């Protein structure tokens, strides 16, 4: 998935989000996302992370 697609997916789910995607390895396969949103106010960091994981679940490969 391209960085722009990831950012669009996050913005679609969290409209007030400011999103920065960084390609960590330069291979288009490993990304870091920085997401700032007013809707995160009052949420723990764990709750914020879980909300982002929930957004990505349909596209995330399952590793066992």
Protein backbone atom coordinates (compact mmCIF):
# COMPACT_ATOMS: atom_id res chain seq x y z
CA UNK A 1 0.00 0.00 0.00
CA UNK A 2 1.32 3.44 -0.89
CA UNK A 3 1.92 6.09 1.77
CA UNK A 4 -0.74 8.35 0.25
CA UNK A 5 -3.29 5.53 0.44
CA UNK A 6 -2.51 5.01 4.13
CA UNK A 7 -2.89 8.72 4.84
CA UNK A 8 -6.19 8.83 2.91
CA UNK A 9 -7.50 5.81 4.83
CA UNK A 10 -6.69 7.49 8.16
CA UNK A 11 -8.22 10.83 7.09
CA UNK A 12 -11.38 9.07 5.90
CA UNK A 13 -11.85 7.51 9.34
CA UNK A 14 -10.62 10.51 11.37
CA UNK A 15 -11.58 13.64 9.40
CA UNK A 16 -9.82 16.08 11.75
CA UNK A 17 -6.51 14.18 11.57
CA UNK A 18 -3.23 15.71 10.52
CA UNK A 19 -1.29 12.77 9.07
CA UNK A 20 2.41 12.35 8.29
CA UNK A 21 3.57 9.05 6.80
CA UNK A 22 7.28 8.20 6.77
CA UNK A 23 8.75 5.35 4.73
CA UNK A 24 11.13 3.88 7.31
CA UNK A 25 13.21 1.65 5.05
CA UNK A 26 12.76 3.35 1.67
CA UNK A 27 11.16 0.19 0.32
CA UNK A 28 7.51 1.24 0.29
CA UNK A 29 6.78 -1.55 2.74
CA UNK A 30 7.58 -0.24 6.24
CA UNK A 31 5.91 2.96 7.41
CA UNK A 32 5.53 5.09 10.49
CA UNK A 33 2.44 7.25 10.86
CA UNK A 34 2.20 10.39 12.96
CA UNK A 35 -1.44 11.26 13.52
CA UNK A 36 -2.59 14.35 15.41
CA UNK A 37 -6.32 14.84 15.90
CA UNK A 38 -8.50 16.85 18.23
CA UNK A 39 -10.73 13.78 18.48
CA UNK A 40 -7.87 12.02 20.31
CA UNK A 41 -8.09 14.53 23.17
CA UNK A 42 -8.75 12.74 26.45
CA UNK A 43 -7.88 9.32 25.00
CA UNK A 44 -4.95 7.33 26.36
CA UNK A 45 -2.15 6.57 23.93
CA UNK A 46 -3.24 2.95 23.95
CA UNK A 47 -6.79 3.95 22.95
CA UNK A 48 -5.39 6.17 20.19
CA UNK A 49 -3.23 3.30 18.89
CA UNK A 50 -6.12 0.86 19.02
CA UNK A 51 -8.29 3.22 16.98
CA UNK A 52 -5.61 3.30 14.27
CA UNK A 53 -5.20 -0.48 14.36
CA UNK A 54 -8.96 -0.84 13.93
CA UNK A 55 -8.84 1.39 10.84
CA UNK A 56 -6.13 -0.73 9.22
CA UNK A 57 -7.50 -4.20 10.08
CA UNK A 58 -9.12 -4.97 6.70
CA UNK A 59 -5.85 -4.34 4.86
CA UNK A 60 -3.33 -5.70 7.36
CA UNK A 61 -1.82 -9.11 6.64
CA UNK A 62 -2.20 -11.68 9.40
CA UNK A 63 1.09 -12.88 10.84
CA UNK A 64 1.06 -15.94 13.08
